[in-house]
Amino acid sequence: MESKRKNWIAVASAEHARLGRDADRGFMQVGHGKEAPLKRIQPGDRVAYYSPAETFGGKDKLQSFVSVGIVQPGEPYMFDMGGGFVPCRRDVKYVPSQEAPILPLLDGLEFVEDRQRWGYKFRFGLFPVSDHDMRLISDAMAANPAMLYF
């Protein structure tokens, strides 16, 4: 049975996803700081970050999930990162986890419709996934289920 909470996969370089995960006040940004995608997400939703590469625009393939957490109460907000870059963020409480490669999970993920084109959905930057897929990802990351499913 699906829960009322939604599950999301957000896409960013590992370098950027780790910044949000490791900040004193965990946060997420998507689509180079766009607000509209963040408005689709609600407090209590679960989010896992997938990183195709270590660095933004890098050729250093990673293809791993790097963080997983729960979206916190509050609306998206603007944050001045300096240099004229003021992206929109949402607060996220990340749970302790280990980074996990996607390749061993491909055959079990429901959102992968075509194994030959498994990376297609990641081009959207943010997309919803089933409870099944979020559990598969969070289990692979050794995240405590009690912290994600309460």
N, C-alpha and C. Protein backbone atom coordinates (compact mmCIF):
# COMPACT_ATOMS: atom_id res chain seq x y z
N MET A 1 0.84 -1.19 0.00
CA MET A 1 0.00 0.00 0.00
C MET A 1 0.88 1.25 0.00
N GLU A 2 0.57 2.19 -0.89
CA GLU A 2 1.33 3.44 -0.97
C GLU A 2 0.99 4.33 0.23
N SER A 3 1.97 5.03 0.71
CA SER A 3 1.73 5.96 1.82
C SER A 3 1.25 7.30 1.25
N LYS A 4 0.77 8.18 2.13
CA LYS A 4 0.35 9.50 1.70
C LYS A 4 1.56 10.37 1.36
N ARG A 5 2.66 10.06 1.97
CA ARG A 5 3.88 10.80 1.68
C ARG A 5 4.38 10.41 0.30
N LYS A 6 4.93 11.37 -0.39
CA LYS A 6 5.49 11.08 -1.71
C LYS A 6 6.99 10.86 -1.58
N ASN A 7 7.52 10.22 -2.59
CA ASN A 7 8.95 9.95 -2.67
C ASN A 7 9.49 10.60 -3.92
N TRP A 8 10.65 11.18 -3.81
CA TRP A 8 11.25 11.91 -4.93
C TRP A 8 12.71 11.51 -5.11
N ILE A 9 13.15 11.55 -6.35
CA ILE A 9 14.57 11.48 -6.64
C ILE A 9 14.95 12.84 -7.21
N ALA A 10 15.94 13.45 -6.59
CA ALA A 10 16.51 14.71 -7.06
C ALA A 10 17.88 14.39 -7.64
N VAL A 11 18.29 15.17 -8.62
CA VAL A 11 19.55 14.91 -9.30
C VAL A 11 20.49 16.10 -9.14
N ALA A 12 21.70 15.81 -8.72
CA ALA A 12 22.75 16.84 -8.60
C ALA A 12 24.09 16.13 -8.56
N SER A 13 25.14 16.88 -8.82
CA SER A 13 26.47 16.29 -8.66
C SER A 13 26.64 15.90 -7.19
N ALA A 14 27.49 14.93 -6.93
CA ALA A 14 27.73 14.50 -5.55
C ALA A 14 28.26 15.66 -4.72
N GLU A 15 29.11 16.46 -5.32
CA GLU A 15 29.68 17.63 -4.64
C GLU A 15 28.56 18.54 -4.13
N HIS A 16 27.55 18.80 -4.96
CA HIS A 16 26.44 19.67 -4.56
C HIS A 16 25.48 18.97 -3.60
N ALA A 17 25.18 17.71 -3.84
CA ALA A 17 24.27 16.97 -2.96
C ALA A 17 24.86 16.85 -1.55
N ARG A 18 26.16 16.62 -1.48
CA ARG A 18 26.81 16.51 -0.16
C ARG A 18 26.80 17.83 0.58
N LEU A 19 26.89 18.95 -0.14
CA LEU A 19 26.81 20.27 0.50
C LEU A 19 25.49 20.40 1.27
N GLY A 20 24.40 20.02 0.63
CA GLY A 20 23.09 20.09 1.28
C GLY A 20 22.96 19.11 2.42
N ARG A 21 23.48 17.91 2.23
CA ARG A 21 23.41 16.86 3.25
C ARG A 21 24.23 17.22 4.48
N ASP A 22 25.40 17.79 4.27
CA ASP A 22 26.33 18.02 5.37
C ASP A 22 26.21 19.39 6.03
N ALA A 23 25.32 20.24 5.52
CA ALA A 23 25.12 21.57 6.11
C ALA A 23 24.51 21.44 7.50
N ASP A 24 24.75 22.44 8.36
CA ASP A 24 24.16 22.43 9.70
C ASP A 24 22.64 22.30 9.60
N ARG A 25 22.06 22.99 8.66
CA ARG A 25 20.62 22.93 8.39
C ARG A 25 20.51 22.31 7.00
N GLY A 26 20.22 21.00 6.95
CA GLY A 26 20.16 20.29 5.68
C GLY A 26 19.20 20.94 4.70
N PHE A 27 19.57 20.92 3.44
CA PHE A 27 18.72 21.55 2.43
C PHE A 27 18.82 20.80 1.10
N MET A 28 17.89 21.13 0.22
CA MET A 28 17.93 20.62 -1.15
C MET A 28 17.70 21.77 -2.10
N GLN A 29 18.31 21.67 -3.26
CA GLN A 29 18.10 22.59 -4.37
C GLN A 29 18.00 21.71 -5.61
N VAL A 30 17.18 22.12 -6.56
CA VAL A 30 17.07 21.38 -7.82
C VAL A 30 17.00 22.36 -8.98
N GLY A 31 17.34 21.87 -10.16
CA GLY A 31 17.20 22.69 -11.37
C GLY A 31 17.94 24.00 -11.30
N HIS A 32 19.15 23.99 -10.78
CA HIS A 32 19.97 25.20 -10.66
C HIS A 32 19.27 26.28 -9.84
N GLY A 33 18.55 25.85 -8.80
CA GLY A 33 17.95 26.80 -7.87
C GLY A 33 16.54 27.24 -8.19
N LYS A 34 15.88 26.56 -9.13
CA LYS A 34 14.51 26.94 -9.50
C LYS A 34 13.53 26.65 -8.36
N GLU A 35 12.53 27.52 -8.23
CA GLU A 35 11.54 27.37 -7.17
C GLU A 35 10.41 26.40 -7.55
N ALA A 36 9.95 26.43 -8.78
CA ALA A 36 8.78 25.66 -9.19
C ALA A 36 8.85 24.17 -8.84
N PRO A 37 9.96 23.47 -9.13
CA PRO A 37 9.99 22.05 -8.77
C PRO A 37 9.89 21.82 -7.26
N LEU A 38 10.45 22.72 -6.48
CA LEU A 38 10.41 22.57 -5.02
C LEU A 38 9.00 22.73 -4.46
N LYS A 39 8.14 23.43 -5.18
CA LYS A 39 6.76 23.61 -4.72
C LYS A 39 5.95 22.33 -4.87
N ARG A 40 6.42 21.40 -5.69
CA ARG A 40 5.72 20.11 -5.86
C ARG A 40 5.95 19.21 -4.65
N ILE A 41 6.99 19.47 -3.91
CA ILE A 41 7.38 18.65 -2.76
C ILE A 41 6.71 19.19 -1.50
N GLN A 42 6.29 18.28 -0.63
CA GLN A 42 5.60 18.69 0.60
C GLN A 42 6.38 18.24 1.84
N PRO A 43 6.20 18.93 2.96
CA PRO A 43 6.81 18.47 4.20
C PRO A 43 6.41 17.02 4.48
N GLY A 44 7.35 16.21 4.90
CA GLY A 44 7.11 14.80 5.18
C GLY A 44 7.45 13.90 4.00
N ASP A 45 7.57 14.48 2.81
CA ASP A 45 7.97 13.67 1.65
C ASP A 45 9.41 13.21 1.84
N ARG A 46 9.72 12.07 1.24
CA ARG A 46 11.08 11.54 1.27
C ARG A 46 11.80 11.91 -0.03
N VAL A 47 13.09 12.20 0.08
CA VAL A 47 13.87 12.55 -1.11
C VAL A 47 15.23 11.84 -1.06
N ALA A 48 15.60 11.27 -2.18
CA ALA A 48 16.93 10.67 -2.33
C ALA A 48 17.64 11.41 -3.44
N TYR A 49 18.90 11.73 -3.22
CA TYR A 49 19.69 12.41 -4.24
C TYR A 49 20.51 11.40 -5.02
N TYR A 50 20.36 11.48 -6.34
CA TYR A 50 21.16 10.67 -7.26
C TYR A 50 22.20 11.59 -7.91
N SER A 51 23.44 11.11 -7.94
CA SER A 51 24.53 11.88 -8.53
C SER A 51 25.15 11.12 -9.70
N PRO A 52 24.99 11.66 -10.90
CA PRO A 52 25.61 11.00 -12.05
C PRO A 52 27.13 11.16 -12.04
N ALA A 53 27.62 12.26 -11.43
CA ALA A 53 29.05 12.56 -11.42
C ALA A 53 29.45 13.17 -10.08
N GLU A 54 30.73 13.14 -9.79
CA GLU A 54 31.26 13.76 -8.57
C GLU A 54 31.09 15.27 -8.60
N THR A 55 31.44 15.90 -9.73
CA THR A 55 31.43 17.35 -9.83
C THR A 55 30.42 17.82 -10.87
N PHE A 56 29.92 19.04 -10.70
CA PHE A 56 28.94 19.62 -11.61
C PHE A 56 29.52 19.69 -13.03
N GLY A 57 28.81 19.08 -13.97
CA GLY A 57 29.25 19.08 -15.36
C GLY A 57 30.46 18.20 -15.62
N GLY A 58 30.86 17.43 -14.60
CA GLY A 58 32.07 16.62 -14.70
C GLY A 58 31.90 15.34 -15.48
N LYS A 59 32.98 14.83 -15.97
CA LYS A 59 33.01 13.54 -16.68
C LYS A 59 33.37 12.41 -15.70
N ASP A 60 33.50 12.77 -14.43
CA ASP A 60 33.89 11.82 -13.37
C ASP A 60 32.67 11.05 -12.89
N LYS A 61 32.28 10.04 -13.66
CA LYS A 61 31.07 9.27 -13.36
C LYS A 61 31.04 8.74 -11.94
N LEU A 62 29.89 8.88 -11.31
CA LEU A 62 29.68 8.30 -9.99
C LEU A 62 28.48 7.34 -10.03
N GLN A 63 27.37 7.79 -10.60
CA GLN A 63 26.16 6.98 -10.75
C GLN A 63 25.74 6.32 -9.44
N SER A 64 25.59 7.16 -8.41
CA SER A 64 25.24 6.66 -7.07
C SER A 64 24.22 7.57 -6.39
N PHE A 65 23.50 6.97 -5.45
CA PHE A 65 22.65 7.73 -4.55
C PHE A 65 23.56 8.19 -3.42
N VAL A 66 23.50 9.49 -3.09
CA VAL A 66 24.42 10.01 -2.08
C VAL A 66 23.77 10.47 -0.79
N SER A 67 22.46 10.70 -0.80
CA SER A 67 21.80 11.12 0.44
C SER A 67 20.31 10.80 0.35
N VAL A 68 19.71 10.67 1.53
CA VAL A 68 18.28 10.39 1.62
C VAL A 68 17.76 11.05 2.90
N GLY A 69 16.57 11.65 2.80
CA GLY A 69 16.03 12.32 3.98
C GLY A 69 14.56 12.67 3.84
N ILE A 70 14.08 13.42 4.83
CA ILE A 70 12.68 13.84 4.94
C ILE A 70 12.61 15.36 4.79
N VAL A 71 11.72 15.81 3.90
CA VAL A 71 11.49 17.23 3.71
C VAL A 71 10.85 17.79 4.97
N GLN A 72 11.38 18.91 5.44
CA GLN A 72 10.93 19.52 6.69
C GLN A 72 9.83 20.54 6.45
N PRO A 73 9.09 20.92 7.52
CA PRO A 73 8.05 21.92 7.39
C PRO A 73 8.62 23.25 6.87
N GLY A 74 7.76 23.98 6.20
CA GLY A 74 8.16 25.29 5.67
C GLY A 74 8.08 25.29 4.15
N GLU A 75 8.05 26.48 3.62
CA GLU A 75 7.97 26.69 2.18
C GLU A 75 9.38 26.80 1.59
N PRO A 76 9.49 26.68 0.28
CA PRO A 76 10.78 26.96 -0.36
C PRO A 76 11.20 28.40 -0.06
N TYR A 77 12.49 28.63 0.06
CA TYR A 77 12.99 29.97 0.37
C TYR A 77 14.26 30.26 -0.43
N MET A 78 14.52 31.54 -0.62
CA MET A 78 15.71 31.97 -1.36
C MET A 78 16.90 32.02 -0.39
N PHE A 79 18.08 31.70 -0.92
CA PHE A 79 19.29 31.71 -0.10
C PHE A 79 20.43 32.30 -0.93
N ASP A 80 21.08 33.32 -0.38
CA ASP A 80 22.18 33.97 -1.09
C ASP A 80 23.47 33.20 -0.87
N MET A 81 23.94 32.56 -1.94
CA MET A 81 25.17 31.78 -1.85
C MET A 81 26.40 32.61 -2.23
N GLY A 82 26.17 33.87 -2.55
CA GLY A 82 27.27 34.75 -2.94
C GLY A 82 27.49 34.75 -4.44
N GLY A 83 28.19 35.74 -4.90
CA GLY A 83 28.50 35.83 -6.33
C GLY A 83 27.27 36.05 -7.20
N GLY A 84 26.19 36.55 -6.60
CA GLY A 84 24.97 36.80 -7.35
C GLY A 84 24.08 35.58 -7.54
N PHE A 85 24.46 34.44 -6.94
CA PHE A 85 23.65 33.23 -7.07
C PHE A 85 22.74 33.12 -5.85
N VAL A 86 21.42 33.23 -6.09
CA VAL A 86 20.43 33.18 -5.02
C VAL A 86 19.40 32.10 -5.38
N PRO A 87 19.75 30.83 -5.11
CA PRO A 87 18.85 29.73 -5.44
C PRO A 87 17.74 29.57 -4.42
N CYS A 88 16.74 28.81 -4.82
CA CYS A 88 15.64 28.45 -3.93
C CYS A 88 15.97 27.10 -3.28
N ARG A 89 15.63 26.97 -2.01
CA ARG A 89 15.92 25.75 -1.24
C ARG A 89 14.70 25.29 -0.48
N ARG A 90 14.77 24.05 -0.05
CA ARG A 90 13.84 23.48 0.95
C ARG A 90 14.70 22.82 2.00
N ASP A 91 14.24 22.86 3.25
CA ASP A 91 14.96 22.19 4.32
C ASP A 91 14.67 20.69 4.30
N VAL A 92 15.71 19.91 4.54
CA VAL A 92 15.62 18.45 4.55
C VAL A 92 16.41 17.93 5.74
N LYS A 93 15.81 16.99 6.46
CA LYS A 93 16.55 16.30 7.52
C LYS A 93 17.06 15.00 6.91
N TYR A 94 18.36 14.98 6.65
CA TYR A 94 18.97 13.79 6.06
C TYR A 94 19.22 12.76 7.14
N VAL A 95 19.04 11.51 6.79
CA VAL A 95 19.28 10.42 7.74
C VAL A 95 20.66 9.83 7.45
N PRO A 96 21.32 9.32 8.49
CA PRO A 96 22.62 8.70 8.26
C PRO A 96 22.49 7.56 7.24
N SER A 97 23.37 7.55 6.29
CA SER A 97 23.33 6.53 5.24
C SER A 97 24.69 6.43 4.56
N GLN A 98 24.81 5.43 3.72
CA GLN A 98 26.03 5.24 2.93
C GLN A 98 25.67 5.47 1.47
N GLU A 99 26.61 6.01 0.72
CA GLU A 99 26.38 6.19 -0.70
C GLU A 99 26.29 4.81 -1.35
N ALA A 100 25.38 4.68 -2.34
CA ALA A 100 25.14 3.38 -2.97
C ALA A 100 25.04 3.53 -4.49
N PRO A 101 25.78 2.69 -5.23
CA PRO A 101 25.70 2.75 -6.68
C PRO A 101 24.34 2.28 -7.19
N ILE A 102 23.90 2.86 -8.30
CA ILE A 102 22.59 2.52 -8.85
C ILE A 102 22.61 1.23 -9.66
N LEU A 103 23.72 0.91 -10.31
CA LEU A 103 23.74 -0.22 -11.24
C LEU A 103 23.20 -1.53 -10.65
N PRO A 104 23.56 -1.92 -9.41
CA PRO A 104 23.00 -3.16 -8.85
C PRO A 104 21.49 -3.10 -8.60
N LEU A 105 20.91 -1.90 -8.61
CA LEU A 105 19.48 -1.73 -8.31
C LEU A 105 18.60 -1.68 -9.55
N LEU A 106 19.19 -1.51 -10.72
CA LEU A 106 18.42 -1.23 -11.94
C LEU A 106 17.30 -2.23 -12.21
N ASP A 107 17.55 -3.51 -12.04
CA ASP A 107 16.53 -4.50 -12.35
C ASP A 107 15.36 -4.48 -11.36
N GLY A 108 15.55 -3.90 -10.18
CA GLY A 108 14.48 -3.87 -9.19
C GLY A 108 13.71 -2.57 -9.12
N LEU A 109 14.20 -1.52 -9.77
CA LEU A 109 13.55 -0.21 -9.70
C LEU A 109 12.37 -0.11 -10.67
N GLU A 110 11.21 0.22 -10.14
CA GLU A 110 10.00 0.30 -10.96
C GLU A 110 10.05 1.45 -11.97
N PHE A 111 10.75 2.53 -11.65
CA PHE A 111 10.77 3.66 -12.58
C PHE A 111 11.66 3.39 -13.80
N VAL A 112 12.46 2.36 -13.77
CA VAL A 112 13.29 2.01 -14.93
C VAL A 112 12.43 1.18 -15.88
N GLU A 113 11.95 1.82 -16.93
CA GLU A 113 11.06 1.16 -17.88
C GLU A 113 11.84 0.43 -18.97
N ASP A 114 13.01 0.94 -19.31
CA ASP A 114 13.84 0.36 -20.36
C ASP A 114 15.28 0.30 -19.86
N ARG A 115 15.77 -0.89 -19.60
CA ARG A 115 17.10 -1.08 -19.02
C ARG A 115 18.19 -0.41 -19.87
N GLN A 116 17.97 -0.34 -21.19
CA GLN A 116 18.96 0.27 -22.09
C GLN A 116 18.99 1.80 -21.98
N ARG A 117 17.90 2.37 -21.48
CA ARG A 117 17.80 3.83 -21.35
C ARG A 117 17.46 4.22 -19.91
N TRP A 118 18.07 3.54 -18.96
CA TRP A 118 17.71 3.73 -17.56
C TRP A 118 17.98 5.15 -17.06
N GLY A 119 18.90 5.88 -17.66
CA GLY A 119 19.22 7.22 -17.18
C GLY A 119 18.29 8.31 -17.66
N TYR A 120 17.35 7.98 -18.53
CA TYR A 120 16.49 9.00 -19.13
C TYR A 120 15.76 9.87 -18.11
N LYS A 121 15.11 9.27 -17.13
CA LYS A 121 14.31 10.04 -16.16
C LYS A 121 15.14 11.06 -15.38
N PHE A 122 16.42 10.78 -15.21
CA PHE A 122 17.26 11.68 -14.42
C PHE A 122 17.44 13.04 -15.10
N ARG A 123 17.16 13.11 -16.38
CA ARG A 123 17.28 14.38 -17.11
C ARG A 123 16.28 15.42 -16.60
N PHE A 124 15.21 14.96 -15.94
CA PHE A 124 14.20 15.88 -15.43
C PHE A 124 14.68 16.62 -14.18
N GLY A 125 15.68 16.11 -13.49
CA GLY A 125 16.22 16.77 -12.30
C GLY A 125 15.47 16.47 -11.01
N LEU A 126 14.19 16.15 -11.12
CA LEU A 126 13.36 15.80 -9.97
C LEU A 126 12.17 15.02 -10.50
N PHE A 127 11.94 13.84 -9.93
CA PHE A 127 10.78 13.06 -10.35
C PHE A 127 10.31 12.17 -9.22
N PRO A 128 8.99 11.87 -9.20
CA PRO A 128 8.44 11.03 -8.12
C PRO A 128 8.73 9.56 -8.38
N VAL A 129 8.86 8.80 -7.29
CA VAL A 129 9.04 7.35 -7.39
C VAL A 129 8.12 6.68 -6.37
N SER A 130 7.93 5.39 -6.55
CA SER A 130 7.05 4.61 -5.68
C SER A 130 7.69 4.36 -4.31
N ASP A 131 6.85 3.94 -3.36
CA ASP A 131 7.36 3.52 -2.05
C ASP A 131 8.35 2.36 -2.24
N HIS A 132 8.02 1.44 -3.13
CA HIS A 132 8.89 0.30 -3.41
C HIS A 132 10.29 0.78 -3.81
N ASP A 133 10.36 1.72 -4.74
CA ASP A 133 11.66 2.20 -5.20
C ASP A 133 12.41 2.94 -4.09
N MET A 134 11.70 3.74 -3.30
CA MET A 134 12.38 4.47 -2.22
C MET A 134 12.92 3.48 -1.18
N ARG A 135 12.16 2.43 -0.89
CA ARG A 135 12.66 1.43 0.07
C ARG A 135 13.88 0.70 -0.49
N LEU A 136 13.86 0.36 -1.76
CA LEU A 136 14.99 -0.31 -2.38
C LEU A 136 16.24 0.57 -2.30
N ILE A 137 16.07 1.85 -2.61
CA ILE A 137 17.19 2.80 -2.57
C ILE A 137 17.68 2.99 -1.14
N SER A 138 16.76 3.25 -0.20
CA SER A 138 17.18 3.50 1.18
C SER A 138 17.78 2.26 1.83
N ASP A 139 17.29 1.07 1.46
CA ASP A 139 17.90 -0.17 1.96
C ASP A 139 19.33 -0.31 1.43
N ALA A 140 19.53 -0.02 0.15
CA ALA A 140 20.87 -0.11 -0.44
C ALA A 140 21.82 0.89 0.23
N MET A 141 21.26 2.00 0.71
CA MET A 141 22.06 3.02 1.38
C MET A 141 22.25 2.74 2.87
N ALA A 142 21.68 1.65 3.35
CA ALA A 142 21.74 1.28 4.77
C ALA A 142 21.18 2.39 5.67
N ALA A 143 20.12 3.05 5.18
CA ALA A 143 19.45 4.10 5.97
C ALA A 143 18.48 3.41 6.94
N ASN A 144 18.36 3.95 8.13
CA ASN A 144 17.48 3.39 9.15
C ASN A 144 16.02 3.60 8.72
N PRO A 145 15.28 2.50 8.44
CA PRO A 145 13.90 2.68 7.97
C PRO A 145 13.01 3.39 8.98
N ALA A 146 13.28 3.26 10.26
CA ALA A 146 12.46 3.92 11.28
C ALA A 146 12.56 5.45 11.17
N MET A 147 13.66 5.93 10.61
CA MET A 147 13.84 7.37 10.45
C MET A 147 13.16 7.90 9.18
N LEU A 148 12.86 7.00 8.24
CA LEU A 148 12.23 7.42 6.98
C LEU A 148 10.76 7.06 6.91
N TYR A 149 10.37 6.01 7.62
CA TYR A 149 8.99 5.50 7.55
C TYR A 149 8.40 5.50 8.95
N PHE A 150 7.78 6.61 9.31
CA PHE A 150 7.22 6.74 10.66
C PHE A 150 5.76 7.12 10.57
